[in-house]
Structures are given as C-alpha cells and as structure tokens.
Amino acid sequence: MTRLGLRARVTAAFAVGALLLAASMALFSYDLIRRSLLDERERTAVRAAYYDAAVVRSGLDTESPDVVAVLRSLDTGSIRRPLLHLPDGWYARTAETGGGAVPLELQQLVRSGNPGVQRIRIDGQPTLLVGVPLSAGVGYYELTSLREVEETFQVVGLALTAVAIMVAGAGAALGWYATRHSVRPLTAVADAAERIAAGDFATRLDPTTDPDLTRLSTSFNHMVDQLVRRIERDRRFAADVSHELRSPLQTLAAAASVLTRRREHHDERTATAAGLVADEVDRFQRLVDDLIQLARTEQPAQRETVDVGVLAREACAARALPEHLVRVPAGTPTEWRVDRRRVEQILLNLLDNAVRYGGGPVAVRLSLVDGSVGTIDVDDDGPGVPDADREIIFDRFVRGRAAHARAGTDGTGLGLALVAQHAAAHGGRATVVDREPKGARFRVQLAEVR
C-alpha cells in the first residue's frame, strides 16, 4: 500500500481534527437546541392545557352541560386537540380522537388527582400529551402536535451538518496552506540536494530564511562543505596518483616498445612474454587516462555552443567508423549548449563500448526531447544487456556479462562510468534498453541544451 506523503497526512489530520471538533460542537448545539425548544413547547402546552381545563370545568358546572359544545368552545387552534374523560366515557370534538391515544399510565396518574405530561406518537406524528384532573373520575387531556418542532430539528440538524462539513473543508485548506509553507524549507533542501548531486557544489541554504530552521540550514551547509572537501581530496588523490604513475608507465611503455620491435631476435617464449607486457602496459596507460578523466568529472560542466552533429561525425572518424552512422531527424537543431570535452568523451566511450562488446555500432542518433533535453543514442548489434546488469554497468570498475563472455576484450571498467558522470554533470542520466530486432541502445540525456 502506498504511503501518503507528509503534506497529505498533515492535511488529512487537520481535516479530521476540524471535522471531529465541528461534529462535537454540532452535536452539543443540536442537543442544547432540542432540549430548549422541547422544554419551551412543553411549558407553553402545560399553561394552555391548564387554562383550557379551567374553561371546561366552568362549562361542566351546570345542571345539563353539553360536553361537545364546551370542547368546541375552546380556542385551541390547529395544533392542539382537547379530550375529556368522564365516568360515562370519552368526549372529543370529532369522532377521530378517542381515549385510546392516552396511555394507561397517564390515565391512572390523572385519575389519582395528579397532573401529568408525556410525549407520544399518534399515527407516526410526535405529540405532547398533557393530563389535568378536574374532579373525581373526570380528567381533561390536551394533545399538542410537535410536528413543527420536529421539522425545526431537521432544519437545525442539516444546518449544523453543513457547518461541520464546511469547517472540515476549512481545516483541510488550512492544513494544506500550513504544510505548503512549512514544507517549503524541506523543498528547498531537496532542490539543493538535487543541484549538488548534479555537480553544483556551490549550492548552499540561506540560514536566515527561517529562524526555526537555522540549525537545519547550518548543518546542511556544513555537511556539503565536508562532502566537497572529501570529494576534492579524493579527486586530487586520484589525479596525483594517476600523474605519478604516468612517468614509470612511460618508461615501461618505452621498454616494452623496444622489446616488441626486437621480438624477432628472441625465442618464442621471450617474444610472447614481451607481447603480453606491451599489451598490459598499454591497458595500464588507458586505465590511468580514464582515472584522470574520472577525477575531472567532479567539476561542473563548462557549457558552450557546440555542433554536436559535427562532433559525433568526428568521433566516428577518430574510431575509423563511417560518418553516415550519425543520424539526425530533419529539422532538429544540433547546436547545443554543452561541455565539448565531456560530450566528446561520451561519444568516444559509447563507440568503444559498442566495438568491444556490442558487435560494432550501427547508428548514432541525435534528437531533442521537449525542446531542451538533448538525447544521444548509440545502437549496437550485439547480444544486448540483461535486465540485471542495466544499472550496475554504469558503476566504476564494473563490466557486464558480455564483457566477461569476450575474453579478448581489454576494457578498464571505467568507460560507462565516465559516460554516466558526464551525463550527470549536464543534469541528465545514462541508460540502456533493448533494440529491435537485437542489440542494445545506450541513451544519454543532457538537460537544458537549448
């Protein structure tokens, strides 16, 4: 399962926190409003019931009272219905309302001479029932509809729900805004790290940007300073060692050359040994040259406008390869802002790699992607590169399986590492993919060449 990013988690936390707070406040407010409205309606209904009960008591205090007429004389409006219980039965304004709506518990309470209030439902509608004793065996009941109150509760509930949702949305927006500004220093650190990885070792963070992050900025800058010093020390060491090795190597190369030229004067075993010494000295010289080049790759790229098409054809000619291998799509500009020395080394190393391990190059393609990313593809006709080797072959002193399968090759294991370093110095990268119908395609991408 994919883990959410920091900004998403903080935004979600703000949203959930705001929703919980708003929901709690909404429930508390709803309960408070509900209690207040019901209590107010109950007090009003009780006062009205007592007043109507007094009117009924007066109307019944005659020799032959007309009970229905007395009930109809009450001003109860549309939400209250009177109900009278006499020893001979129940009386109401209409035949629809009978004593069956009054719970037995409330009837017994009123019959004992005590008033009572109870909330019930009649035909699914909420109703407030008030019972008032008039005399022995006589009780007056009044049913007050709570439908309007229930509708008010629904409106209040919807309003509070909408408010809770809006508060949650506002919390999410606040969380996103807060994380956007709080994560901005981390984004600056990430951008600085990317520039440093691309070879821009002059990149530093401004310690005065945020007082709370001064320690982070200072520690990061100190780390970069230490890293730069270590890289420079390692680069200088490699360069010094390589230069120191050149003098004895030149002496060995001269001696090996003499032995090689006079091999016909030696016996077969001595001549073979002299040839092996000459080959190994030559390989050693290439290794030293590659180490010197590798030490130089840590420096930033020195960009200038270069016709890469001409440079590619010159590289093919330097390796005795036909210039028609270079292919450029019609209308594609070949004047790029690159480091001439680095791009020339990229082309030569890829061509050498194709010759040694790929059965020879079949095409050198130049193209532009998105108008600013220069792409150099070198296609070969070899066995291709297994998936397991496609990353490690760009590491230092690593040779792929194709190199090990060819015992006659004399590579140093630094050629593709140099290609990757030169690509990184241009803000790009080096990769390898399969080519149809066979072979491999080594691709180097160079950023911001136009």
Protein backbone atom coordinates (compact mmCIF):
# COMPACT_ATOMS: atom_id res chain seq x y z
CA MET A 1 0.00 0.00 0.00
CA THR A 2 1.35 3.42 -0.98
CA ARG A 3 2.19 5.60 2.00
CA LEU A 4 0.74 9.10 1.94
CA GLY A 5 3.16 11.99 1.77
CA LEU A 6 3.78 14.38 4.64
CA ARG A 7 1.61 17.12 3.15
CA ALA A 8 -1.27 14.71 2.55
CA ARG A 9 -1.02 13.30 6.09
CA VAL A 10 -0.94 16.73 7.75
CA THR A 11 -3.81 17.98 5.58
CA ALA A 12 -5.84 14.87 6.43
CA ALA A 13 -5.05 15.35 10.13
CA PHE A 14 -6.24 18.96 10.01
CA ALA A 15 -9.40 17.91 8.16
CA VAL A 16 -10.18 15.04 10.58
CA GLY A 17 -9.44 17.22 13.61
CA ALA A 18 -11.66 20.02 12.32
CA LEU A 19 -14.40 17.51 11.47
CA LEU A 20 -14.29 15.94 14.95
CA LEU A 21 -14.35 19.36 16.62
CA ALA A 22 -17.15 20.60 14.39
CA ALA A 23 -19.13 17.36 14.86
CA SER A 24 -18.76 17.58 18.64
CA MET A 25 -19.88 21.20 18.66
CA ALA A 26 -22.74 20.38 16.28
CA LEU A 27 -23.98 17.51 18.46
CA PHE A 28 -23.72 19.64 21.59
CA SER A 29 -25.54 22.53 19.90
CA TYR A 30 -28.21 20.23 18.48
CA ASP A 31 -28.86 18.65 21.86
CA LEU A 32 -28.99 22.06 23.55
CA ILE A 33 -31.38 23.49 20.95
CA ARG A 34 -33.56 20.38 21.06
CA ARG A 35 -33.86 20.49 24.82
CA SER A 36 -34.59 24.21 24.83
CA LEU A 37 -37.29 24.01 22.17
CA LEU A 38 -38.96 20.97 23.71
CA ASP A 39 -38.93 22.50 27.20
CA GLU A 40 -40.35 25.76 25.90
CA ARG A 41 -43.06 23.96 23.92
CA GLU A 42 -43.89 21.81 26.96
CA ARG A 43 -44.24 24.84 29.25
CA THR A 44 -46.45 26.56 26.70
CA ALA A 45 -48.60 23.45 26.26
CA VAL A 46 -48.99 22.98 30.03
CA ARG A 47 -50.09 26.60 30.52
CA ALA A 48 -52.57 26.33 27.65
CA ALA A 49 -53.89 22.98 28.96
CA TYR A 50 -54.48 24.39 32.46
CA TYR A 51 -56.29 27.40 31.02
CA ASP A 52 -58.49 25.22 28.78
CA ALA A 53 -59.12 22.85 31.71
CA ALA A 54 -60.47 25.79 33.75
CA VAL A 55 -62.79 26.71 30.89
CA VAL A 56 -64.06 23.12 30.64
CA ARG A 57 -64.56 22.94 34.43
CA SER A 58 -66.72 26.08 34.26
CA GLY A 59 -68.70 24.71 31.30
CA LEU A 60 -69.40 21.44 33.10
CA ASP A 61 -70.53 23.18 36.28
CA THR A 62 -74.17 23.28 35.10
CA GLU A 63 -77.24 21.07 35.53
CA SER A 64 -77.16 19.59 32.00
CA PRO A 65 -73.88 20.50 30.32
CA ASP A 66 -73.33 19.98 26.57
CA VAL A 67 -69.85 18.41 26.68
CA VAL A 68 -69.13 18.59 22.94
CA ALA A 69 -70.24 22.23 22.83
CA VAL A 70 -67.96 23.01 25.74
CA LEU A 71 -64.99 21.37 23.98
CA ARG A 72 -65.77 23.18 20.74
CA SER A 73 -65.82 26.49 22.57
CA LEU A 74 -62.10 26.14 23.37
CA ASP A 75 -59.66 28.25 21.33
CA THR A 76 -57.05 25.52 20.75
CA GLY A 77 -56.02 26.43 17.24
CA SER A 78 -54.82 23.80 14.74
CA ILE A 79 -52.06 22.17 16.79
CA ARG A 80 -54.00 21.33 20.00
CA ARG A 81 -56.83 18.82 20.40
CA PRO A 82 -58.92 18.60 23.61
CA LEU A 83 -60.05 15.27 25.05
CA LEU A 84 -62.31 14.82 28.08
CA HIS A 85 -62.75 11.71 30.17
CA LEU A 86 -65.99 11.42 32.15
CA PRO A 87 -67.31 8.48 34.16
CA ASP A 88 -69.52 7.52 31.23
CA GLY A 89 -66.75 7.64 28.60
CA TRP A 90 -64.53 9.78 26.38
CA TYR A 91 -65.55 13.00 24.64
CA ALA A 92 -63.84 14.92 21.86
CA ARG A 93 -64.60 17.46 19.20
CA THR A 94 -64.51 14.84 16.49
CA ALA A 95 -65.01 11.13 16.32
CA GLU A 96 -61.43 10.50 15.14
CA THR A 97 -59.93 11.29 18.53
CA GLY A 98 -60.67 8.83 21.28
CA GLY A 99 -59.31 7.76 24.62
CA GLY A 100 -57.18 5.05 23.02
CA ALA A 101 -54.47 7.63 22.37
CA VAL A 102 -53.94 8.22 26.10
CA PRO A 103 -51.53 5.73 27.76
CA LEU A 104 -52.92 3.84 30.75
CA GLU A 105 -50.11 5.07 32.99
CA LEU A 106 -51.12 8.69 32.37
CA GLN A 107 -54.82 7.89 32.88
CA GLN A 108 -54.07 6.30 36.26
CA LEU A 109 -51.93 9.31 37.24
CA VAL A 110 -54.71 11.80 36.39
CA ARG A 111 -57.37 9.56 37.97
CA SER A 112 -55.40 9.71 41.21
CA GLY A 113 -55.63 13.52 41.15
CA ASN A 114 -52.17 14.34 39.79
CA PRO A 115 -51.43 16.19 36.55
CA GLY A 116 -49.04 14.58 34.04
CA VAL A 117 -47.14 15.24 30.83
CA GLN A 118 -45.99 12.61 28.30
CA ARG A 119 -44.59 12.57 24.77
CA ILE A 120 -46.18 10.02 22.48
CA ARG A 121 -46.65 9.31 18.79
CA ILE A 122 -50.05 9.25 17.13
CA ASP A 123 -50.17 7.98 13.55
CA GLY A 124 -46.37 8.41 13.42
CA GLN A 125 -46.55 12.07 14.43
CA PRO A 126 -44.83 13.33 17.61
CA THR A 127 -47.36 14.61 20.15
CA LEU A 128 -47.19 16.14 23.61
CA LEU A 129 -49.99 14.89 25.90
CA VAL A 130 -50.97 16.92 29.00
CA GLY A 131 -53.40 15.48 31.55
CA VAL A 132 -55.19 17.67 34.15
CA PRO A 133 -57.58 16.21 36.80
CA LEU A 134 -60.86 18.18 37.09
CA SER A 135 -62.70 16.20 39.77
CA ALA A 136 -63.14 12.64 40.93
CA GLY A 137 -63.33 10.47 37.81
CA VAL A 138 -63.05 13.44 35.44
CA GLY A 139 -59.86 14.27 33.57
CA TYR A 140 -59.03 16.74 30.88
CA TYR A 141 -56.36 15.89 28.27
CA GLU A 142 -54.87 18.05 25.59
CA LEU A 143 -52.79 16.72 22.67
CA THR A 144 -50.32 19.22 21.23
CA SER A 145 -48.66 18.40 17.90
CA LEU A 146 -44.84 18.57 17.86
CA ARG A 147 -44.56 18.22 14.09
CA GLU A 148 -43.34 21.78 13.59
CA VAL A 149 -40.76 21.29 16.31
CA GLU A 150 -39.51 18.09 14.65
CA GLU A 151 -39.24 19.90 11.31
CA THR A 152 -37.28 22.64 13.07
CA PHE A 153 -34.97 19.95 14.45
CA GLN A 154 -34.39 18.58 10.95
CA VAL A 155 -33.53 22.03 9.60
CA VAL A 156 -31.18 22.67 12.51
CA GLY A 157 -29.56 19.25 12.01
CA LEU A 158 -28.99 19.87 8.31
CA ALA A 159 -27.57 23.32 9.02
CA LEU A 160 -25.21 22.01 11.69
CA THR A 161 -24.11 19.14 9.38
CA ALA A 162 -23.39 21.62 6.60
CA VAL A 163 -21.42 23.78 9.04
CA ALA A 164 -19.41 20.73 10.19
CA ILE A 165 -18.59 19.82 6.59
CA MET A 166 -17.54 23.40 5.79
CA VAL A 167 -15.41 23.52 8.94
CA ALA A 168 -13.75 20.24 7.92
CA GLY A 169 -13.08 21.68 4.46
CA ALA A 170 -11.70 24.83 6.02
CA GLY A 171 -9.49 22.68 8.25
CA ALA A 172 -8.18 20.78 5.22
CA ALA A 173 -7.49 24.06 3.41
CA LEU A 174 -5.72 25.40 6.49
CA GLY A 175 -3.68 22.21 6.76
CA TRP A 176 -2.72 22.37 3.09
CA TYR A 177 -1.76 26.03 3.42
CA ALA A 178 0.21 25.39 6.60
CA THR A 179 2.07 22.40 5.16
CA ARG A 180 2.75 24.25 1.94
CA HIS A 181 4.62 26.92 3.86
CA SER A 182 6.13 24.60 6.47
CA VAL A 183 7.34 22.08 3.87
CA ARG A 184 8.80 24.82 1.66
CA PRO A 185 12.15 24.76 3.55
CA LEU A 186 12.27 20.99 3.05
CA THR A 187 11.59 21.51 -0.64
CA ALA A 188 14.48 23.97 -0.72
CA VAL A 189 16.68 21.32 0.91
CA ALA A 190 15.58 18.74 -1.68
CA ASP A 191 16.24 21.17 -4.54
CA ALA A 192 19.66 21.99 -3.13
CA ALA A 193 20.48 18.29 -2.76
CA GLU A 194 19.47 17.67 -6.39
CA ARG A 195 21.69 20.51 -7.61
CA ILE A 196 24.58 19.19 -5.54
CA ALA A 197 24.02 15.68 -6.93
CA ALA A 198 24.13 17.21 -10.43
CA GLY A 199 27.60 18.61 -9.67
CA ASP A 200 26.81 22.16 -8.49
CA PHE A 201 28.83 22.05 -5.27
CA ALA A 202 28.47 25.82 -4.77
CA THR A 203 24.83 25.37 -3.71
CA ARG A 204 24.07 26.35 -0.11
CA LEU A 205 20.99 27.06 2.02
CA ASP A 206 20.29 30.52 3.40
CA PRO A 207 20.36 30.21 7.24
CA THR A 208 18.32 33.41 7.65
CA THR A 209 15.28 32.16 5.72
CA ASP A 210 13.53 30.69 8.77
CA PRO A 211 14.80 31.14 12.36
CA ASP A 212 13.32 27.77 13.36
CA LEU A 213 15.32 26.02 10.63
CA THR A 214 18.63 27.76 11.18
CA ARG A 215 20.14 24.64 12.70
CA LEU A 216 18.98 22.52 9.74
CA SER A 217 20.40 25.01 7.21
CA THR A 218 23.69 25.32 9.08
CA SER A 219 24.06 21.55 9.45
CA PHE A 220 23.21 21.01 5.79
CA ASN A 221 25.75 23.61 4.64
CA HIS A 222 28.39 22.12 6.95
CA MET A 223 27.66 18.66 5.53
CA VAL A 224 28.04 19.97 1.98
CA ASP A 225 31.31 21.68 2.88
CA GLN A 226 32.65 18.44 4.34
CA LEU A 227 31.43 16.50 1.30
CA VAL A 228 33.04 18.92 -1.12
CA ARG A 229 36.33 18.77 0.78
CA ARG A 230 36.26 14.99 0.79
CA ILE A 231 35.40 14.80 -2.92
CA GLU A 232 38.12 17.29 -3.73
CA ARG A 233 40.59 15.36 -1.60
CA ASP A 234 39.67 12.08 -3.30
CA ARG A 235 39.78 13.71 -6.73
CA ARG A 236 43.16 15.24 -6.02
CA PHE A 237 44.45 11.93 -4.70
CA ALA A 238 43.28 10.05 -7.80
CA ALA A 239 44.72 12.73 -10.07
CA ASP A 240 48.04 12.80 -8.20
CA VAL A 241 48.35 9.03 -8.21
CA SER A 242 47.49 8.89 -11.89
CA HIS A 243 50.04 11.57 -12.73
CA GLU A 244 52.69 9.86 -10.59
CA LEU A 245 52.02 6.61 -12.40
CA ARG A 246 52.48 8.19 -15.80
CA SER A 247 56.27 8.59 -15.51
CA PRO A 248 57.05 4.93 -14.70
CA LEU A 249 54.42 3.88 -17.22
CA GLN A 250 56.11 5.88 -19.95
CA THR A 251 59.38 4.20 -19.06
CA LEU A 252 57.71 0.79 -19.13
CA ALA A 253 55.98 1.62 -22.40
CA ALA A 254 59.28 2.65 -23.98
CA ALA A 255 60.96 -0.54 -22.75
CA ALA A 256 58.03 -2.66 -23.94
CA SER A 257 58.19 -0.95 -27.33
CA VAL A 258 61.87 -1.82 -27.64
CA LEU A 259 61.15 -5.44 -26.72
CA THR A 260 58.30 -5.58 -29.20
CA ARG A 261 60.41 -4.18 -32.05
CA ARG A 262 63.17 -6.73 -31.32
CA ARG A 263 60.90 -9.71 -30.72
CA GLU A 264 62.19 -11.46 -33.87
CA HIS A 265 65.60 -11.69 -32.19
CA HIS A 266 64.20 -13.56 -29.17
CA ASP A 267 62.99 -17.08 -28.75
CA GLU A 268 59.27 -17.79 -28.91
CA ARG A 269 58.62 -17.75 -25.15
CA THR A 270 60.51 -14.44 -24.68
CA ALA A 271 58.67 -12.88 -27.64
CA THR A 272 55.30 -13.95 -26.25
CA ALA A 273 56.15 -12.54 -22.83
CA ALA A 274 57.27 -9.26 -24.42
CA GLY A 275 53.95 -9.02 -26.28
CA LEU A 276 51.99 -9.64 -23.09
CA VAL A 277 53.99 -6.97 -21.26
CA ALA A 278 53.35 -4.46 -24.05
CA ASP A 279 49.60 -5.21 -24.04
CA GLU A 280 49.31 -4.88 -20.28
CA VAL A 281 51.32 -1.65 -20.22
CA ASP A 282 49.02 -0.24 -22.91
CA ARG A 283 45.96 -1.28 -20.89
CA PHE A 284 47.52 0.25 -17.77
CA GLN A 285 48.04 3.52 -19.61
CA ARG A 286 44.38 3.60 -20.68
CA LEU A 287 43.34 2.88 -17.10
CA VAL A 288 45.44 5.79 -15.83
CA ASP A 289 43.97 8.09 -18.51
CA ASP A 290 40.46 7.02 -17.51
CA LEU A 291 41.22 7.67 -13.84
CA ILE A 292 42.42 11.17 -14.69
CA GLN A 293 39.23 11.76 -16.70
CA LEU A 294 37.15 10.39 -13.82
CA ALA A 295 38.82 12.80 -11.40
CA ARG A 296 37.91 15.68 -13.68
CA THR A 297 34.23 14.68 -13.87
CA GLU A 298 33.57 16.09 -10.38
CA GLN A 299 34.00 19.60 -11.75
CA PRO A 300 30.94 21.50 -13.10
CA ALA A 301 30.25 21.33 -16.82
CA GLN A 302 31.70 24.23 -18.83
CA ARG A 303 28.91 24.77 -21.36
CA GLU A 304 29.36 26.40 -24.73
CA THR A 305 27.56 26.25 -28.06
CA VAL A 306 28.75 23.12 -29.87
CA ASP A 307 27.58 21.50 -33.11
CA VAL A 308 27.02 18.00 -31.70
CA GLY A 309 26.35 16.59 -35.16
CA VAL A 310 29.85 17.58 -36.33
CA LEU A 311 31.29 16.34 -33.03
CA ALA A 312 29.61 12.94 -33.48
CA ARG A 313 30.97 12.55 -37.03
CA GLU A 314 34.46 13.49 -35.81
CA ALA A 315 34.20 10.85 -33.07
CA CYS A 316 33.24 8.21 -35.66
CA ALA A 317 36.19 9.23 -37.83
CA ALA A 318 38.53 9.01 -34.82
CA ARG A 319 37.45 5.38 -34.35
CA ALA A 320 37.68 4.58 -38.09
CA LEU A 321 33.90 4.30 -38.35
CA PRO A 322 31.78 5.64 -41.25
CA GLU A 323 30.31 9.09 -40.66
CA HIS A 324 26.94 8.05 -42.09
CA LEU A 325 26.27 6.27 -38.78
CA VAL A 326 25.29 9.69 -37.40
CA ARG A 327 21.58 10.26 -37.93
CA VAL A 328 19.67 13.43 -37.09
CA PRO A 329 15.89 13.85 -37.69
CA ALA A 330 15.06 16.52 -40.25
CA GLY A 331 14.68 19.95 -38.71
CA THR A 332 16.40 19.01 -35.43
CA PRO A 333 18.98 21.64 -34.42
CA THR A 334 22.36 20.16 -33.49
CA GLU A 335 23.90 23.27 -31.94
CA TRP A 336 23.60 22.56 -28.23
CA ARG A 337 24.98 24.26 -25.14
CA VAL A 338 27.15 21.50 -23.70
CA ASP A 339 30.64 20.84 -22.40
CA ARG A 340 32.52 19.93 -25.59
CA ARG A 341 35.15 17.79 -23.86
CA ARG A 342 32.59 15.81 -21.89
CA VAL A 343 30.26 15.15 -24.85
CA GLU A 344 33.22 14.10 -27.00
CA GLN A 345 34.23 11.65 -24.25
CA ILE A 346 30.63 10.34 -24.09
CA LEU A 347 30.60 9.65 -27.84
CA LEU A 348 34.05 8.03 -27.89
CA ASN A 349 33.35 5.81 -24.89
CA LEU A 350 29.98 4.65 -26.24
CA LEU A 351 31.54 3.89 -29.62
CA ASP A 352 34.38 1.98 -27.95
CA ASN A 353 31.86 0.06 -25.85
CA ALA A 354 29.87 -0.88 -28.97
CA VAL A 355 33.01 -2.02 -30.79
CA ARG A 356 34.31 -4.12 -27.87
CA TYR A 357 31.11 -5.70 -26.59
CA GLY A 358 28.23 -4.96 -28.98
CA GLY A 359 29.40 -6.23 -32.36
CA GLY A 360 30.04 -2.66 -33.52
CA PRO A 361 27.81 0.43 -33.65
CA VAL A 362 25.02 0.54 -36.23
CA ALA A 363 23.74 4.08 -35.58
CA VAL A 364 24.43 7.25 -33.61
CA ARG A 365 21.18 9.17 -33.21
CA LEU A 366 20.83 12.78 -32.04
CA SER A 367 17.45 14.22 -31.05
CA LEU A 368 15.74 16.81 -28.86
CA VAL A 369 13.01 15.98 -26.34
CA ASP A 370 10.65 18.74 -25.17
CA GLY A 371 12.81 21.25 -26.99
CA SER A 372 15.55 21.36 -24.32
CA VAL A 373 16.70 17.83 -23.49
CA GLY A 374 19.38 16.59 -25.85
CA THR A 375 19.43 12.83 -26.44
CA ILE A 376 22.36 10.79 -27.78
CA ASP A 377 21.58 7.17 -28.74
CA VAL A 378 24.26 4.69 -29.77
CA ASP A 379 22.84 1.45 -31.18
CA ASP A 380 24.91 -1.71 -31.44
CA ASP A 381 24.38 -5.13 -32.98
CA GLY A 382 25.45 -7.22 -30.01
CA PRO A 383 23.64 -9.59 -27.64
CA GLY A 384 22.08 -6.77 -25.61
CA VAL A 385 22.33 -6.12 -21.87
CA PRO A 386 20.45 -8.31 -19.36
CA ASP A 387 17.99 -6.52 -17.08
CA ALA A 388 20.09 -7.36 -14.02
CA ASP A 389 23.11 -5.52 -15.48
CA ARG A 390 21.44 -2.37 -16.80
CA GLU A 391 22.09 -0.33 -13.66
CA ILE A 392 25.42 -1.69 -12.45
CA ILE A 393 27.26 -1.39 -15.77
CA PHE A 394 27.40 2.39 -15.22
CA ASP A 395 29.26 1.90 -11.91
CA ARG A 396 33.03 2.16 -11.67
CA PHE A 397 35.15 -0.92 -12.40
CA VAL A 398 32.07 -2.94 -13.37
CA ARG A 399 31.98 -4.97 -16.57
CA GLY A 400 28.81 -6.60 -17.86
CA ARG A 401 28.32 -10.24 -18.74
CA ALA A 402 29.00 -9.55 -22.39
CA ALA A 403 32.44 -8.22 -21.44
CA HIS A 404 33.22 -11.30 -19.36
CA ALA A 405 32.00 -13.54 -22.18
CA ARG A 406 34.57 -11.97 -24.53
CA ALA A 407 37.94 -12.98 -23.17
CA GLY A 408 39.77 -10.93 -25.76
CA THR A 409 38.45 -7.55 -24.60
CA ASP A 410 40.72 -5.27 -22.62
CA GLY A 411 38.35 -2.67 -21.16
CA THR A 412 39.10 -0.91 -17.89
CA GLY A 413 35.55 -0.94 -16.49
CA LEU A 414 35.51 2.87 -16.35
CA GLY A 415 34.19 3.82 -19.79
CA LEU A 416 30.46 3.69 -19.00
CA ALA A 417 31.08 5.15 -15.53
CA LEU A 418 32.61 8.18 -17.25
CA VAL A 419 29.58 8.38 -19.54
CA ALA A 420 27.24 8.41 -16.53
CA GLN A 421 29.35 11.06 -14.75
CA HIS A 422 29.44 13.33 -17.81
CA ALA A 423 25.66 12.95 -18.23
CA ALA A 424 25.08 13.82 -14.55
CA ALA A 425 27.26 16.92 -14.94
CA HIS A 426 24.75 18.07 -17.61
CA GLY A 427 21.78 17.37 -15.32
CA GLY A 428 20.95 14.19 -17.24
CA ARG A 429 21.44 10.45 -16.99
CA ALA A 430 22.67 7.43 -18.93
CA THR A 431 20.52 4.34 -19.56
CA VAL A 432 20.45 1.25 -21.74
CA VAL A 433 17.46 -0.50 -23.35
CA ASP A 434 16.94 -3.32 -25.84
CA ARG A 435 16.94 -2.57 -29.55
CA GLU A 436 14.76 -4.35 -32.09
CA PRO A 437 15.37 -6.88 -33.53
CA LYS A 438 18.55 -7.35 -31.46
CA GLY A 439 21.29 -5.40 -29.79
CA ALA A 440 21.32 -2.63 -27.22
CA ARG A 441 20.65 1.10 -27.31
CA PHE A 442 22.75 3.23 -24.96
CA ARG A 443 20.96 6.52 -24.33
CA VAL A 444 22.42 9.66 -22.78
CA GLN A 445 20.12 12.58 -21.94
CA LEU A 446 21.56 16.08 -21.41
CA ALA A 447 19.32 18.69 -19.78
CA GLU A 448 18.85 22.31 -20.89
CA VAL A 449 20.93 22.14 -24.05
CA ARG A 450 18.75 24.76 -25.82
